[in-house]
Protein backbone atom coordinates (compact mmCIF):
# COMPACT_ATOMS: atom_id res chain seq x y z
CA MET A 1 0.00 0.00 0.00
CA PRO A 2 1.41 3.44 -0.87
CA ALA A 3 2.44 5.57 2.11
CA ALA A 4 -0.17 8.22 1.32
CA ALA A 5 -2.96 5.62 1.36
CA ALA A 6 -1.71 4.14 4.62
CA ALA A 7 -1.54 7.59 6.21
CA ALA A 8 -5.11 8.34 5.11
CA GLN A 9 -6.34 5.21 6.94
CA THR A 10 -4.55 5.99 10.20
CA ALA A 11 -6.67 7.74 12.81
CA PRO A 12 -4.91 10.60 14.58
CA ALA A 13 -4.20 10.02 18.25
CA GLY A 14 -5.14 13.52 19.37
CA PRO A 15 -4.77 14.76 22.93
CA ALA A 16 -5.28 12.20 25.69
CA VAL A 17 -8.59 12.09 27.54
CA ALA A 18 -8.44 11.42 31.29
CA LEU A 19 -10.68 8.57 32.46
CA ALA A 20 -11.35 7.37 36.00
CA GLY A 21 -10.33 3.72 36.41
CA THR A 22 -9.33 1.39 33.60
CA GLY A 23 -10.74 2.10 30.15
CA VAL A 24 -11.14 -0.33 27.23
CA LEU A 25 -12.20 0.49 23.67
CA ASN A 26 -13.92 -2.40 21.87
CA ASP A 27 -14.80 -0.81 18.52
CA VAL A 28 -14.15 2.33 16.45
CA VAL A 29 -15.86 3.61 13.31
CA ALA A 30 -15.13 6.73 11.24
CA THR A 31 -17.36 8.37 8.65
CA SER A 32 -14.78 11.03 7.73
CA ALA A 33 -11.50 12.56 8.87
CA ARG A 34 -13.57 14.84 11.14
CA ASN A 35 -15.94 12.27 12.62
CA ALA A 36 -15.24 9.04 14.46
CA TRP A 37 -16.91 7.14 17.28
CA ALA A 38 -15.34 4.67 19.72
CA VAL A 39 -17.12 2.54 22.33
CA GLY A 40 -16.15 0.32 25.23
CA HIS A 41 -16.21 0.59 29.00
CA VAL A 42 -14.46 2.29 31.90
CA GLY A 43 -14.21 1.45 35.59
CA ASP A 44 -12.92 -1.18 37.95
CA LEU A 45 -14.09 -4.72 38.72
CA GLY A 46 -17.85 -4.84 39.14
CA LYS A 47 -18.27 -1.10 38.63
CA THR A 48 -17.96 -0.61 34.88
CA THR A 49 -19.97 1.89 32.88
CA SER A 50 -20.31 2.37 29.15
CA LEU A 51 -17.73 4.49 27.36
CA ILE A 52 -18.56 6.50 24.23
CA MET A 53 -15.88 8.70 22.66
CA ARG A 54 -16.18 11.03 19.64
CA TRP A 55 -13.44 12.45 17.40
CA ASN A 56 -14.35 15.85 15.89
CA GLY A 57 -11.29 16.28 13.69
CA ALA A 58 -9.24 17.97 16.40
CA ARG A 59 -9.74 16.04 19.65
CA TRP A 60 -11.45 13.10 21.33
CA SER A 61 -14.20 13.85 23.86
CA ARG A 62 -16.31 11.63 26.06
CA VAL A 63 -20.01 11.43 25.22
CA HIS A 64 -22.26 10.53 28.13
CA GLY A 65 -24.99 8.17 27.02
CA LEU A 66 -27.08 5.36 28.32
CA ARG A 67 -25.62 2.71 30.62
CA PRO A 68 -26.44 -0.80 29.42
CA ALA A 69 -27.11 -3.48 32.05
CA ALA A 70 -23.81 -5.25 31.31
CA GLY A 71 -21.89 -2.00 31.81
CA TRP A 72 -20.03 -1.94 28.49
CA LEU A 73 -20.49 -1.48 24.74
CA ASP A 74 -19.09 -3.92 22.18
CA GLY A 75 -19.76 -2.35 18.78
CA VAL A 76 -20.57 0.88 17.00
CA ALA A 77 -21.91 1.82 13.53
CA ALA A 78 -22.33 5.35 12.16
CA THR A 79 -23.46 7.09 9.00
CA SER A 80 -22.66 10.66 10.07
CA ALA A 81 -21.66 12.86 13.02
CA ARG A 82 -25.29 12.91 14.16
CA ASN A 83 -26.24 9.31 13.38
CA ALA A 84 -24.48 6.54 15.35
CA TRP A 85 -25.60 3.32 17.06
CA ALA A 86 -23.86 1.26 19.72
CA VAL A 87 -24.51 -2.28 20.95
CA GLY A 88 -23.39 -4.02 24.09
């Protein structure tokens, strides 16, 4: 794969986001260079909550959403910055 193509497929790391406890990302989807979603969970044993992160082209930010019974999210699909679904 040409270097330019490989670079286009690499998501930028951006500034770090501080999370309480241990965080795990299970899935990431991007609809453009300015829109990506990542899901997983954060917390310690027995006290995990869902984790939803969004990339806006400049930085990652945490999105507070619903908390599934299992406490984590396994997958994400998106069609735009305003249209994303997560499963857990």
